[in-house]
Amino acid sequence: MPKNLRSFLEQDVQLTGDLSFSGALYISCNVNGNLIAPMDSDAILYVQEAAQVTGEIRVPRLVVAGKVFGDIFVPDRATIKSTAVINGDIHYSEMELATGADINGTLAVVRPPSDKPEALESH
């Protein structure tokens, strides 16, 4: 699969149903369904200012400038722009939140499990 794969869903598209993707997905349309990318990939979802998503989002990286009605799961980085409106909980590892963003839900920091076992202290 091409490394720099990019897909675009423009404003004239109406998507109903779940969508799984890899690479970069830019949406400017209305989506009624879940948006899912493999969590161990370098996939990124851009919810553009004109977009509205009603459903769950599960992606490694996310940029939101539009509207999301549903819970968000981002194990890597979430960037929330000032024009974003989010009604749902956000589970993230790292977040950049712009002044003016409207979030109605809880924010939960999720840390990935450590690859290193903790050292046991001997007495």
PDB file of N, CA and C in Angstrom:
ATOM      1  N   MET A   1       0.845  -1.177   0.000  1.00  0.00           N
ATOM      2  CA  MET A   1       0.000   0.000   0.000  1.00  0.00           C
ATOM      3  C   MET A   1       0.891   1.240   0.000  1.00  0.00           C
ATOM      4  N   PRO A   2       0.557   2.277  -0.771  1.00  0.00           N
ATOM      5  CA  PRO A   2       1.378   3.482  -0.825  1.00  0.00           C
ATOM      6  C   PRO A   2       1.514   4.126   0.552  1.00  0.00           C
ATOM      7  N   LYS A   3       2.719   4.599   0.857  1.00  0.00           N
ATOM      8  CA  LYS A   3       2.980   5.181   2.168  1.00  0.00           C
ATOM      9  C   LYS A   3       2.223   6.488   2.395  1.00  0.00           C
ATOM     10  N   ASN A   4       2.093   7.321   1.385  1.00  0.00           N
ATOM     11  CA  ASN A   4       1.454   8.627   1.535  1.00  0.00           C
ATOM     12  C   ASN A   4       0.029   8.637   0.996  1.00  0.00           C
ATOM     13  N   LEU A   5      -0.740   7.637   1.330  1.00  0.00           N
ATOM     14  CA  LEU A   5      -2.117   7.525   0.863  1.00  0.00           C
ATOM     15  C   LEU A   5      -2.986   8.596   1.516  1.00  0.00           C
ATOM     16  N   ARG A   6      -3.710   9.370   0.686  1.00  0.00           N
ATOM     17  CA  ARG A   6      -4.624  10.404   1.181  1.00  0.00           C
ATOM     18  C   ARG A   6      -5.978  10.222   0.515  1.00  0.00           C
ATOM     19  N   SER A   7      -7.027  10.349   1.311  1.00  0.00           N
ATOM     20  CA  SER A   7      -8.386  10.255   0.785  1.00  0.00           C
ATOM     21  C   SER A   7      -9.160  11.485   1.230  1.00  0.00           C
ATOM     22  N   PHE A   8     -10.088  11.921   0.366  1.00  0.00           N
ATOM     23  CA  PHE A   8     -10.879  13.117   0.637  1.00  0.00           C
ATOM     24  C   PHE A   8     -12.360  12.800   0.463  1.00  0.00           C
ATOM     25  N   LEU A   9     -13.173  13.224   1.416  1.00  0.00           N
ATOM     26  CA  LEU A   9     -14.628  13.166   1.297  1.00  0.00           C
ATOM     27  C   LEU A   9     -15.113  14.609   1.356  1.00  0.00           C
ATOM     28  N   GLU A  10     -15.542  15.121   0.224  1.00  0.00           N
ATOM     29  CA  GLU A  10     -15.904  16.534   0.090  1.00  0.00           C
ATOM     30  C   GLU A  10     -17.319  16.810   0.599  1.00  0.00           C
ATOM     31  N   GLN A  11     -17.695  18.089   0.646  1.00  0.00           N
ATOM     32  CA  GLN A  11     -18.962  18.527   1.229  1.00  0.00           C
ATOM     33  C   GLN A  11     -20.190  17.926   0.563  1.00  0.00           C
ATOM     34  N   ASP A  12     -20.115  17.579  -0.698  1.00  0.00           N
ATOM     35  CA  ASP A  12     -21.293  17.053  -1.395  1.00  0.00           C
ATOM     36  C   ASP A  12     -21.528  15.564  -1.139  1.00  0.00           C
ATOM     37  N   VAL A  13     -20.706  14.956  -0.297  1.00  0.00           N
ATOM     38  CA  VAL A  13     -20.845  13.534   0.042  1.00  0.00           C
ATOM     39  C   VAL A  13     -21.661  13.411   1.326  1.00  0.00           C
ATOM     40  N   GLN A  14     -22.553  12.416   1.367  1.00  0.00           N
ATOM     41  CA  GLN A  14     -23.287  12.051   2.581  1.00  0.00           C
ATOM     42  C   GLN A  14     -22.954  10.591   2.843  1.00  0.00           C
ATOM     43  N   LEU A  15     -22.238  10.304   3.922  1.00  0.00           N
ATOM     44  CA  LEU A  15     -21.808   8.943   4.222  1.00  0.00           C
ATOM     45  C   LEU A  15     -22.613   8.397   5.386  1.00  0.00           C
ATOM     46  N   THR A  16     -23.262   7.251   5.165  1.00  0.00           N
ATOM     47  CA  THR A  16     -23.993   6.561   6.218  1.00  0.00           C
ATOM     48  C   THR A  16     -23.414   5.165   6.342  1.00  0.00           C
ATOM     49  N   GLY A  17     -22.912   4.840   7.530  1.00  0.00           N
ATOM     50  CA  GLY A  17     -22.280   3.545   7.763  1.00  0.00           C
ATOM     51  C   GLY A  17     -20.868   3.739   8.272  1.00  0.00           C
ATOM     52  N   ASP A  18     -20.279   2.656   8.742  1.00  0.00           N
ATOM     53  CA  ASP A  18     -18.927   2.709   9.282  1.00  0.00           C
ATOM     54  C   ASP A  18     -17.904   2.757   8.158  1.00  0.00           C
ATOM     55  N   LEU A  19     -16.795   3.452   8.419  1.00  0.00           N
ATOM     56  CA  LEU A  19     -15.725   3.566   7.439  1.00  0.00           C
ATOM     57  C   LEU A  19     -14.401   3.238   8.112  1.00  0.00           C
ATOM     58  N   SER A  20     -13.708   2.240   7.580  1.00  0.00           N
ATOM     59  CA  SER A  20     -12.358   1.901   8.028  1.00  0.00           C
ATOM     60  C   SER A  20     -11.388   2.419   6.987  1.00  0.00           C
ATOM     61  N   PHE A  21     -10.264   2.978   7.436  1.00  0.00           N
ATOM     62  CA  PHE A  21      -9.312   3.558   6.495  1.00  0.00           C
ATOM     63  C   PHE A  21      -7.898   3.440   7.030  1.00  0.00           C
ATOM     64  N   SER A  22      -6.942   3.711   6.157  1.00  0.00           N
ATOM     65  CA  SER A  22      -5.543   3.836   6.552  1.00  0.00           C
ATOM     66  C   SER A  22      -4.996   5.069   5.852  1.00  0.00           C
ATOM     67  N   GLY A  23      -3.824   5.513   6.240  1.00  0.00           N
ATOM     68  CA  GLY A  23      -3.267   6.726   5.659  1.00  0.00           C
ATOM     69  C   GLY A  23      -3.948   7.949   6.242  1.00  0.00           C
ATOM     70  N   ALA A  24      -4.106   8.978   5.425  1.00  0.00           N
ATOM     71  CA  ALA A  24      -4.739  10.226   5.861  1.00  0.00           C
ATOM     72  C   ALA A  24      -6.119  10.338   5.228  1.00  0.00           C
ATOM     73  N   LEU A  25      -7.117  10.663   6.040  1.00  0.00           N
ATOM     74  CA  LEU A  25      -8.474  10.869   5.544  1.00  0.00           C
ATOM     75  C   LEU A  25      -8.923  12.272   5.936  1.00  0.00           C
ATOM     76  N   TYR A  26      -9.298  13.058   4.936  1.00  0.00           N
ATOM     77  CA  TYR A  26      -9.810  14.412   5.125  1.00  0.00           C
ATOM     78  C   TYR A  26     -11.306  14.375   4.837  1.00  0.00           C
ATOM     79  N   ILE A  27     -12.125  14.788   5.822  1.00  0.00           N
ATOM     80  CA  ILE A  27     -13.559  14.806   5.568  1.00  0.00           C
ATOM     81  C   ILE A  27     -14.104  16.224   5.736  1.00  0.00           C
ATOM     82  N   SER A  28     -14.942  16.613   4.794  1.00  0.00           N
ATOM     83  CA  SER A  28     -15.635  17.902   4.830  1.00  0.00           C
ATOM     84  C   SER A  28     -17.137  17.690   4.725  1.00  0.00           C
ATOM     85  N   CYS A  29     -17.583  16.445   4.889  1.00  0.00           N
ATOM     86  CA  CYS A  29     -18.983  16.086   4.659  1.00  0.00           C
ATOM     87  C   CYS A  29     -19.657  15.662   5.961  1.00  0.00           C
ATOM     88  N   ASN A  30     -20.917  15.234   5.847  1.00  0.00           N
ATOM     89  CA  ASN A  30     -21.642  14.657   6.970  1.00  0.00           C
ATOM     90  C   ASN A  30     -21.426  13.152   6.974  1.00  0.00           C
ATOM     91  N   VAL A  31     -21.058  12.632   8.136  1.00  0.00           N
ATOM     92  CA  VAL A  31     -20.848  11.195   8.308  1.00  0.00           C
ATOM     93  C   VAL A  31     -21.756  10.726   9.431  1.00  0.00           C
ATOM     94  N   ASN A  32     -22.585   9.725   9.152  1.00  0.00           N
ATOM     95  CA  ASN A  32     -23.411   9.074  10.166  1.00  0.00           C
ATOM     96  C   ASN A  32     -22.915   7.647  10.292  1.00  0.00           C
ATOM     97  N   GLY A  33     -21.946   7.451  11.152  1.00  0.00           N
ATOM     98  CA  GLY A  33     -21.326   6.146  11.337  1.00  0.00           C
ATOM     99  C   GLY A  33     -19.983   6.315  12.018  1.00  0.00           C
ATOM    100  N   ASN A  34     -19.341   5.210  12.282  1.00  0.00           N
ATOM    101  CA  ASN A  34     -18.064   5.209  12.981  1.00  0.00           C
ATOM    102  C   ASN A  34     -16.907   5.328  11.994  1.00  0.00           C
ATOM    103  N   LEU A  35     -15.866   6.043  12.395  1.00  0.00           N
ATOM    104  CA  LEU A  35     -14.647   6.185  11.602  1.00  0.00           C
ATOM    105  C   LEU A  35     -13.526   5.484  12.353  1.00  0.00           C
ATOM    106  N   ILE A  36     -12.904   4.499  11.689  1.00  0.00           N
ATOM    107  CA  ILE A  36     -11.968   3.610  12.375  1.00  0.00           C
ATOM    108  C   ILE A  36     -10.710   3.427  11.543  1.00  0.00           C
ATOM    109  N   ALA A  37      -9.551   3.513  12.203  1.00  0.00           N
ATOM    110  CA  ALA A  37      -8.268   3.209  11.568  1.00  0.00           C
ATOM    111  C   ALA A  37      -7.482   2.313  12.517  1.00  0.00           C
ATOM    112  N   PRO A  38      -6.599   1.465  11.991  1.00  0.00           N
ATOM    113  CA  PRO A  38      -5.799   0.602  12.864  1.00  0.00           C
ATOM    114  C   PRO A  38      -5.005   1.444  13.864  1.00  0.00           C
ATOM    115  N   MET A  39      -5.112   1.106  15.133  1.00  0.00           N
ATOM    116  CA  MET A  39      -4.464   1.895  16.176  1.00  0.00           C
ATOM    117  C   MET A  39      -2.942   1.807  16.135  1.00  0.00           C
ATOM    118  N   ASP A  40      -2.412   0.766  15.516  1.00  0.00           N
ATOM    119  CA  ASP A  40      -0.958   0.611  15.441  1.00  0.00           C
ATOM    120  C   ASP A  40      -0.397   1.152  14.126  1.00  0.00           C
ATOM    121  N   SER A  41      -1.169   1.981  13.434  1.00  0.00           N
ATOM    122  CA  SER A  41      -0.744   2.529  12.145  1.00  0.00           C
ATOM    123  C   SER A  41      -0.395   4.010  12.295  1.00  0.00           C
ATOM    124  N   ASP A  42       0.007   4.623  11.183  1.00  0.00           N
ATOM    125  CA  ASP A  42       0.277   6.064  11.189  1.00  0.00           C
ATOM    126  C   ASP A  42      -0.906   6.839  10.606  1.00  0.00           C
ATOM    127  N   ALA A  43      -2.085   6.257  10.648  1.00  0.00           N
ATOM    128  CA  ALA A  43      -3.285   6.895  10.097  1.00  0.00           C
ATOM    129  C   ALA A  43      -3.622   8.176  10.856  1.00  0.00           C
ATOM    130  N   ILE A  44      -4.212   9.116  10.118  1.00  0.00           N
ATOM    131  CA  ILE A  44      -4.656  10.373  10.718  1.00  0.00           C
ATOM    132  C   ILE A  44      -5.968  10.794  10.060  1.00  0.00           C
ATOM    133  N   LEU A  45      -6.883  11.292  10.883  1.00  0.00           N
ATOM    134  CA  LEU A  45      -8.179  11.766  10.409  1.00  0.00           C
ATOM    135  C   LEU A  45      -8.253  13.273  10.606  1.00  0.00           C
ATOM    136  N   TYR A  46      -8.645  13.975   9.539  1.00  0.00           N
ATOM    137  CA  TYR A  46      -8.869  15.418   9.588  1.00  0.00           C
ATOM    138  C   TYR A  46     -10.370  15.664   9.439  1.00  0.00           C
ATOM    139  N   VAL A  47     -11.009  16.143  10.499  1.00  0.00           N
ATOM    140  CA  VAL A  47     -12.415  16.526  10.444  1.00  0.00           C
ATOM    141  C   VAL A  47     -12.415  18.030  10.162  1.00  0.00           C
ATOM    142  N   GLN A  48     -12.639  18.374   8.903  1.00  0.00           N
ATOM    143  CA  GLN A  48     -12.552  19.762   8.466  1.00  0.00           C
ATOM    144  C   GLN A  48     -13.701  20.590   9.052  1.00  0.00           C
ATOM    145  N   GLU A  49     -13.592  21.897   8.980  1.00  0.00           N
ATOM    146  CA  GLU A  49     -14.560  22.807   9.599  1.00  0.00           C
ATOM    147  C   GLU A  49     -15.991  22.585   9.108  1.00  0.00           C
ATOM    148  N   ALA A  50     -16.184  22.217   7.861  1.00  0.00           N
ATOM    149  CA  ALA A  50     -17.525  22.006   7.301  1.00  0.00           C
ATOM    150  C   ALA A  50     -18.103  20.633   7.650  1.00  0.00           C
ATOM    151  N   ALA A  51     -17.307  19.760   8.236  1.00  0.00           N
ATOM    152  CA  ALA A  51     -17.718  18.372   8.478  1.00  0.00           C
ATOM    153  C   ALA A  51     -18.535  18.230   9.754  1.00  0.00           C
ATOM    154  N   GLN A  52     -19.400  17.202   9.733  1.00  0.00           N
ATOM    155  CA  GLN A  52     -20.123  16.789  10.930  1.00  0.00           C
ATOM    156  C   GLN A  52     -20.098  15.272  10.983  1.00  0.00           C
ATOM    157  N   VAL A  53     -19.593  14.736  12.093  1.00  0.00           N
ATOM    158  CA  VAL A  53     -19.524  13.290  12.298  1.00  0.00           C
ATOM    159  C   VAL A  53     -20.461  12.931  13.443  1.00  0.00           C
ATOM    160  N   THR A  54     -21.385  12.007  13.183  1.00  0.00           N
ATOM    161  CA  THR A  54     -22.247  11.468  14.222  1.00  0.00           C
ATOM    162  C   THR A  54     -21.900   9.993  14.337  1.00  0.00           C
ATOM    163  N   GLY A  55     -21.087   9.675  15.329  1.00  0.00           N
ATOM    164  CA  GLY A  55     -20.602   8.310  15.510  1.00  0.00           C
ATOM    165  C   GLY A  55     -19.293   8.338  16.272  1.00  0.00           C
ATOM    166  N   GLU A  56     -18.784   7.163  16.528  1.00  0.00           N
ATOM    167  CA  GLU A  56     -17.547   7.013  17.279  1.00  0.00           C
ATOM    168  C   GLU A  56     -16.341   7.162  16.355  1.00  0.00           C
ATOM    169  N   ILE A  57     -15.285   7.766  16.882  1.00  0.00           N
ATOM    170  CA  ILE A  57     -14.028   7.892  16.141  1.00  0.00           C
ATOM    171  C   ILE A  57     -12.955   7.131  16.903  1.00  0.00           C
ATOM    172  N   ARG A  58     -12.279   6.199  16.201  1.00  0.00           N
ATOM    173  CA  ARG A  58     -11.169   5.430  16.777  1.00  0.00           C
ATOM    174  C   ARG A  58     -10.009   5.476  15.792  1.00  0.00           C
ATOM    175  N   VAL A  59      -9.083   6.404  16.044  1.00  0.00           N
ATOM    176  CA  VAL A  59      -7.945   6.606  15.146  1.00  0.00           C
ATOM    177  C   VAL A  59      -6.697   6.922  15.972  1.00  0.00           C
ATOM    178  N   PRO A  60      -5.503   6.630  15.429  1.00  0.00           N
ATOM    179  CA  PRO A  60      -4.284   6.932  16.178  1.00  0.00           C
ATOM    180  C   PRO A  60      -4.024   8.432  16.339  1.00  0.00           C
ATOM    181  N   ARG A  61      -4.334   9.199  15.292  1.00  0.00           N
ATOM    182  CA  ARG A  61      -4.103  10.651  15.329  1.00  0.00           C
ATOM    183  C   ARG A  61      -5.313  11.350  14.724  1.00  0.00           C
ATOM    184  N   LEU A  62      -5.629  12.520  15.274  1.00  0.00           N
ATOM    185  CA  LEU A  62      -6.867  13.201  14.896  1.00  0.00           C
ATOM    186  C   LEU A  62      -6.688  14.712  14.944  1.00  0.00           C
ATOM    187  N   VAL A  63      -7.263  15.391  13.950  1.00  0.00           N
ATOM    188  CA  VAL A  63      -7.368  16.852  13.950  1.00  0.00           C
ATOM    189  C   VAL A  63      -8.843  17.177  13.723  1.00  0.00           C
ATOM    190  N   VAL A  64      -9.447  17.932  14.653  1.00  0.00           N
ATOM    191  CA  VAL A  64     -10.866  18.279  14.540  1.00  0.00           C
ATOM    192  C   VAL A  64     -11.020  19.797  14.456  1.00  0.00           C
ATOM    193  N   ALA A  65     -11.661  20.245  13.373  1.00  0.00           N
ATOM    194  CA  ALA A  65     -12.040  21.651  13.226  1.00  0.00           C
ATOM    195  C   ALA A  65     -13.557  21.768  13.061  1.00  0.00           C
ATOM    196  N   GLY A  66     -14.241  20.637  12.848  1.00  0.00           N
ATOM    197  CA  GLY A  66     -15.682  20.604  12.620  1.00  0.00           C
ATOM    198  C   GLY A  66     -16.434  20.091  13.833  1.00  0.00           C
ATOM    199  N   LYS A  67     -17.566  19.419  13.580  1.00  0.00           N
ATOM    200  CA  LYS A  67     -18.444  18.940  14.644  1.00  0.00           C
ATOM    201  C   LYS A  67     -18.365  17.421  14.760  1.00  0.00           C
ATOM    202  N   VAL A  68     -18.313  16.944  16.006  1.00  0.00           N
ATOM    203  CA  VAL A  68     -18.322  15.506  16.281  1.00  0.00           C
ATOM    204  C   VAL A  68     -19.346  15.247  17.375  1.00  0.00           C
ATOM    205  N   PHE A  69     -20.268  14.326  17.097  1.00  0.00           N
ATOM    206  CA  PHE A  69     -21.265  13.896  18.068  1.00  0.00           C
ATOM    207  C   PHE A  69     -21.028  12.412  18.324  1.00  0.00           C
ATOM    208  N   GLY A  70     -20.214  12.117  19.317  1.00  0.00           N
ATOM    209  CA  GLY A  70     -19.852  10.740  19.640  1.00  0.00           C
ATOM    210  C   GLY A  70     -18.524  10.722  20.367  1.00  0.00           C
ATOM    211  N   ASP A  71     -18.190   9.578  20.923  1.00  0.00           N
ATOM    212  CA  ASP A  71     -16.947   9.439  21.672  1.00  0.00           C
ATOM    213  C   ASP A  71     -15.754   9.300  20.730  1.00  0.00           C
ATOM    214  N   ILE A  72     -14.606   9.755  21.225  1.00  0.00           N
ATOM    215  CA  ILE A  72     -13.369   9.764  20.450  1.00  0.00           C
ATOM    216  C   ILE A  72     -12.300   8.999  21.222  1.00  0.00           C
ATOM    217  N   PHE A  73     -11.594   8.109  20.525  1.00  0.00           N
ATOM    218  CA  PHE A  73     -10.502   7.331  21.106  1.00  0.00           C
ATOM    219  C   PHE A  73      -9.261   7.558  20.253  1.00  0.00           C
ATOM    220  N   VAL A  74      -8.248   8.223  20.833  1.00  0.00           N
ATOM    221  CA  VAL A  74      -7.033   8.585  20.100  1.00  0.00           C
ATOM    222  C   VAL A  74      -5.826   8.223  20.969  1.00  0.00           C
ATOM    223  N   PRO A  75      -5.186   7.068  20.725  1.00  0.00           N
ATOM    224  CA  PRO A  75      -4.074   6.662  21.573  1.00  0.00           C
ATOM    225  C   PRO A  75      -2.799   7.471  21.367  1.00  0.00           C
ATOM    226  N   ASP A  76      -2.749   8.283  20.320  1.00  0.00           N
ATOM    227  CA  ASP A  76      -1.555   9.080  20.054  1.00  0.00           C
ATOM    228  C   ASP A  76      -1.863  10.553  20.322  1.00  0.00           C
ATOM    229  N   ARG A  77      -2.143  11.334  19.304  1.00  0.00           N
ATOM    230  CA  ARG A  77      -2.296  12.788  19.467  1.00  0.00           C
ATOM    231  C   ARG A  77      -3.610  13.285  18.874  1.00  0.00           C
ATOM    232  N   ALA A  78      -4.311  14.096  19.668  1.00  0.00           N
ATOM    233  CA  ALA A  78      -5.528  14.767  19.209  1.00  0.00           C
ATOM    234  C   ALA A  78      -5.264  16.266  19.180  1.00  0.00           C
ATOM    235  N   THR A  79      -5.604  16.884  18.060  1.00  0.00           N
ATOM    236  CA  THR A  79      -5.506  18.337  17.927  1.00  0.00           C
ATOM    237  C   THR A  79      -6.918  18.867  17.724  1.00  0.00           C
ATOM    238  N   ILE A  80      -7.361  19.715  18.642  1.00  0.00           N
ATOM    239  CA  ILE A  80      -8.713  20.258  18.602  1.00  0.00           C
ATOM    240  C   ILE A  80      -8.600  21.751  18.281  1.00  0.00           C
ATOM    241  N   LYS A  81      -9.105  22.139  17.127  1.00  0.00           N
ATOM    242  CA  LYS A  81      -9.020  23.526  16.660  1.00  0.00           C
ATOM    243  C   LYS A  81     -10.095  24.391  17.320  1.00  0.00           C
ATOM    244  N   SER A  82      -9.953  25.696  17.215  1.00  0.00           N
ATOM    245  CA  SER A  82     -10.867  26.639  17.872  1.00  0.00           C
ATOM    246  C   SER A  82     -12.296  26.555  17.346  1.00  0.00           C
ATOM    247  N   THR A  83     -12.485  26.075  16.133  1.00  0.00           N
ATOM    248  CA  THR A  83     -13.824  25.977  15.528  1.00  0.00           C
ATOM    249  C   THR A  83     -14.522  24.655  15.847  1.00  0.00           C
ATOM    250  N   ALA A  84     -13.853  23.762  16.559  1.00  0.00           N
ATOM    251  CA  ALA A  84     -14.398  22.428  16.836  1.00  0.00           C
ATOM    252  C   ALA A  84     -15.552  22.491  17.830  1.00  0.00           C
ATOM    253  N   VAL A  85     -16.538  21.623  17.589  1.00  0.00           N
ATOM    254  CA  VAL A  85     -17.641  21.390  18.522  1.00  0.00           C
ATOM    255  C   VAL A  85     -17.702  19.883  18.715  1.00  0.00           C
ATOM    256  N   ILE A  86     -17.480  19.437  19.953  1.00  0.00           N
ATOM    257  CA  ILE A  86     -17.461  18.000  20.242  1.00  0.00           C
ATOM    258  C   ILE A  86     -18.444  17.713  21.366  1.00  0.00           C
ATOM    259  N   ASN A  87     -19.399  16.819  21.098  1.00  0.00           N
ATOM    260  CA  ASN A  87     -20.336  16.333  22.105  1.00  0.00           C
ATOM    261  C   ASN A  87     -20.046  14.857  22.305  1.00  0.00           C
ATOM    262  N   GLY A  88     -19.185  14.557  23.258  1.00  0.00           N
ATOM    263  CA  GLY A  88     -18.784  13.183  23.527  1.00  0.00           C
ATOM    264  C   GLY A  88     -17.504  13.185  24.333  1.00  0.00           C
ATOM    265  N   ASP A  89     -17.166  12.036  24.856  1.00  0.00           N
ATOM    266  CA  ASP A  89     -15.954  11.886  25.647  1.00  0.00           C
ATOM    267  C   ASP A  89     -14.746  11.725  24.728  1.00  0.00           C
ATOM    268  N   ILE A  90     -13.606  12.241  25.181  1.00  0.00           N
ATOM    269  CA  ILE A  90     -12.368  12.128  24.414  1.00  0.00           C
ATOM    270  C   ILE A  90     -11.349  11.370  25.257  1.00  0.00           C
ATOM    271  N   HIS A  91     -10.868  10.250  24.736  1.00  0.00           N
ATOM    272  CA  HIS A  91      -9.833   9.434  25.370  1.00  0.00           C
ATOM    273  C   HIS A  91      -8.575   9.627  24.534  1.00  0.00           C
ATOM    274  N   TYR A  92      -7.526  10.152  25.127  1.00  0.00           N
ATOM    275  CA  TYR A  92      -6.348  10.546  24.356  1.00  0.00           C
ATOM    276  C   TYR A  92      -5.078  10.328  25.166  1.00  0.00           C
ATOM    277  N   SER A  93      -3.951  10.306  24.470  1.00  0.00           N
ATOM    278  CA  SER A  93      -2.654  10.241  25.121  1.00  0.00           C
ATOM    279  C   SER A  93      -2.038  11.636  25.197  1.00  0.00           C
ATOM    280  N   GLU A  94      -2.184  12.402  24.108  1.00  0.00           N
ATOM    281  CA  GLU A  94      -1.643  13.760  24.037  1.00  0.00           C
ATOM    282  C   GLU A  94      -2.660  14.630  23.306  1.00  0.00           C
ATOM    283  N   MET A  95      -2.869  15.864  23.801  1.00  0.00           N
ATOM    284  CA  MET A  95      -3.862  16.729  23.163  1.00  0.00           C
ATOM    285  C   MET A  95      -3.364  18.165  23.061  1.00  0.00           C
ATOM    286  N   GLU A  96      -3.684  18.766  21.923  1.00  0.00           N
ATOM    287  CA  GLU A  96      -3.504  20.207  21.735  1.00  0.00           C
ATOM    288  C   GLU A  96      -4.905  20.781  21.589  1.00  0.00           C
ATOM    289  N   LEU A  97      -5.271  21.674  22.495  1.00  0.00           N
ATOM    290  CA  LEU A  97      -6.629  22.212  22.547  1.00  0.00           C
ATOM    291  C   LEU A  97      -6.583  23.726  22.360  1.00  0.00           C
ATOM    292  N   ALA A  98      -7.198  24.206  21.287  1.00  0.00           N
ATOM    293  CA  ALA A  98      -7.204  25.639  20.984  1.00  0.00           C
ATOM    294  C   ALA A  98      -8.297  26.356  21.767  1.00  0.00           C
ATOM    295  N   THR A  99      -8.027  27.591  22.119  1.00  0.00           N
ATOM    296  CA  THR A  99      -9.017  28.441  22.767  1.00  0.00           C
ATOM    297  C   THR A  99     -10.207  28.623  21.833  1.00  0.00           C
ATOM    298  N   GLY A 100     -11.404  28.468  22.388  1.00  0.00           N
ATOM    299  CA  GLY A 100     -12.618  28.634  21.595  1.00  0.00           C
ATOM    300  C   GLY A 100     -13.284  27.327  21.220  1.00  0.00           C
ATOM    301  N   ALA A 101     -12.563  26.210  21.336  1.00  0.00           N
ATOM    302  CA  ALA A 101     -13.162  24.904  21.042  1.00  0.00           C
ATOM    303  C   ALA A 101     -14.269  24.631  22.057  1.00  0.00           C
ATOM    304  N   ASP A 102     -15.338  23.989  21.610  1.00  0.00           N
ATOM    305  CA  ASP A 102     -16.497  23.687  22.448  1.00  0.00           C
ATOM    306  C   ASP A 102     -16.553  22.181  22.659  1.00  0.00           C
ATOM    307  N   ILE A 103     -16.244  21.740  23.884  1.00  0.00           N
ATOM    308  CA  ILE A 103     -16.253  20.309  24.201  1.00  0.00           C
ATOM    309  C   ILE A 103     -17.259  20.066  25.313  1.00  0.00           C
ATOM    310  N   ASN A 104     -18.238  19.205  25.030  1.00  0.00           N
ATOM    311  CA  ASN A 104     -19.240  18.800  26.005  1.00  0.00           C
ATOM    312  C   ASN A 104     -19.070  17.310  26.243  1.00  0.00           C
ATOM    313  N   GLY A 105     -18.271  16.968  27.241  1.00  0.00           N
ATOM    314  CA  GLY A 105     -17.963  15.581  27.549  1.00  0.00           C
ATOM    315  C   GLY A 105     -16.758  15.542  28.465  1.00  0.00           C
ATOM    316  N   THR A 106     -16.323  14.352  28.794  1.00  0.00           N
ATOM    317  CA  THR A 106     -15.166  14.217  29.669  1.00  0.00           C
ATOM    318  C   THR A 106     -13.900  14.026  28.848  1.00  0.00           C
ATOM    319  N   LEU A 107     -12.794  14.462  29.424  1.00  0.00           N
ATOM    320  CA  LEU A 107     -11.479  14.257  28.831  1.00  0.00           C
ATOM    321  C   LEU A 107     -10.758  13.236  29.693  1.00  0.00           C
ATOM    322  N   ALA A 108     -10.281  12.162  29.077  1.00  0.00           N
ATOM    323  CA  ALA A 108      -9.606  11.101  29.816  1.00  0.00           C
ATOM    324  C   ALA A 108      -8.253  10.816  29.182  1.00  0.00           C
ATOM    325  N   VAL A 109      -7.197  11.011  29.968  1.00  0.00           N
ATOM    326  CA  VAL A 109      -5.852  10.711  29.481  1.00  0.00           C
ATOM    327  C   VAL A 109      -5.643   9.206  29.558  1.00  0.00           C
ATOM    328  N   VAL A 110      -5.211   8.640  28.445  1.00  0.00           N
ATOM    329  CA  VAL A 110      -4.947   7.203  28.371  1.00  0.00           C
ATOM    330  C   VAL A 110      -3.478   7.033  28.045  1.00  0.00           C
ATOM    331  N   ARG A 111      -2.754   6.412  28.919  1.00  0.00           N
ATOM    332  CA  ARG A 111      -1.332   6.168  28.687  1.00  0.00           C
ATOM    333  C   ARG A 111      -1.150   4.760  28.142  1.00  0.00           C
ATOM    334  N   PRO A 112      -0.359   4.623  27.074  1.00  0.00           N
ATOM    335  CA  PRO A 112      -0.099   3.277  26.559  1.00  0.00           C
ATOM    336  C   PRO A 112       0.697   2.481  27.579  1.00  0.00           C
ATOM    337  N   PRO A 113       0.523   1.159  27.607  1.00  0.00           N
ATOM    338  CA  PRO A 113       1.279   0.347  28.556  1.00  0.00           C
ATOM    339  C   PRO A 113       2.770   0.476  28.282  1.00  0.00           C
ATOM    340  N   SER A 114       3.543   0.520  29.339  1.00  0.00           N
ATOM    341  CA  SER A 114       4.994   0.641  29.209  1.00  0.00           C
ATOM    342  C   SER A 114       5.579  -0.650  28.655  1.00  0.00           C
ATOM    343  N   ASP A 115       6.569  -0.508  27.774  1.00  0.00           N
ATOM    344  CA  ASP A 115       7.243  -1.684  27.220  1.00  0.00           C
ATOM    345  C   ASP A 115       8.240  -2.274  28.205  1.00  0.00           C
ATOM    346  N   LYS A 116       8.631  -1.476  29.196  1.00  0.00           N
ATOM    347  CA  LYS A 116       9.635  -1.927  30.153  1.00  0.00           C
ATOM    348  C   LYS A 116       8.953  -2.404  31.426  1.00  0.00           C
ATOM    349  N   PRO A 117       9.289  -3.604  31.881  1.00  0.00           N
ATOM    350  CA  PRO A 117       8.736  -4.033  33.167  1.00  0.00           C
ATOM    351  C   PRO A 117       9.372  -3.209  34.282  1.00  0.00           C
ATOM    352  N   GLU A 118       8.579  -2.904  35.285  1.00  0.00           N
ATOM    353  CA  GLU A 118       9.108  -2.131  36.400  1.00  0.00           C
ATOM    354  C   GLU A 118      10.080  -2.989  37.189  1.00  0.00           C
ATOM    355  N   ALA A 119      11.182  -2.369  37.584  1.00  0.00           N
ATOM    356  CA  ALA A 119      12.195  -3.092  38.353  1.00  0.00           C
ATOM    357  C   ALA A 119      11.664  -3.341  39.762  1.00  0.00           C
ATOM    358  N   LEU A 120      11.899  -4.534  40.254  1.00  0.00           N
ATOM    359  CA  LEU A 120      11.511  -4.867  41.615  1.00  0.00           C
ATOM    360  C   LEU A 120      12.654  -4.498  42.539  1.00  0.00           C
ATOM    361  N   GLU A 121      12.317  -3.831  43.612  1.00  0.00           N
ATOM    362  CA  GLU A 121      13.351  -3.466  44.570  1.00  0.00           C
ATOM    363  C   GLU A 121      13.645  -4.660  45.452  1.00  0.00           C
ATOM    364  N   SER A 122      14.923  -4.925  45.653  1.00  0.00           N
ATOM    365  CA  SER A 122      15.295  -6.012  46.566  1.00  0.00           C
ATOM    366  C   SER A 122      15.716  -5.395  47.888  1.00  0.00           C
ATOM    367  N   HIS A 123      15.364  -6.053  48.952  1.00  0.00           N
ATOM    368  CA  HIS A 123      15.674  -5.529  50.291  1.00  0.00           C
ATOM    369  C   HIS A 123      16.676  -6.393  50.949  1.00  0.00           C
TER     370      HIS A 123
END
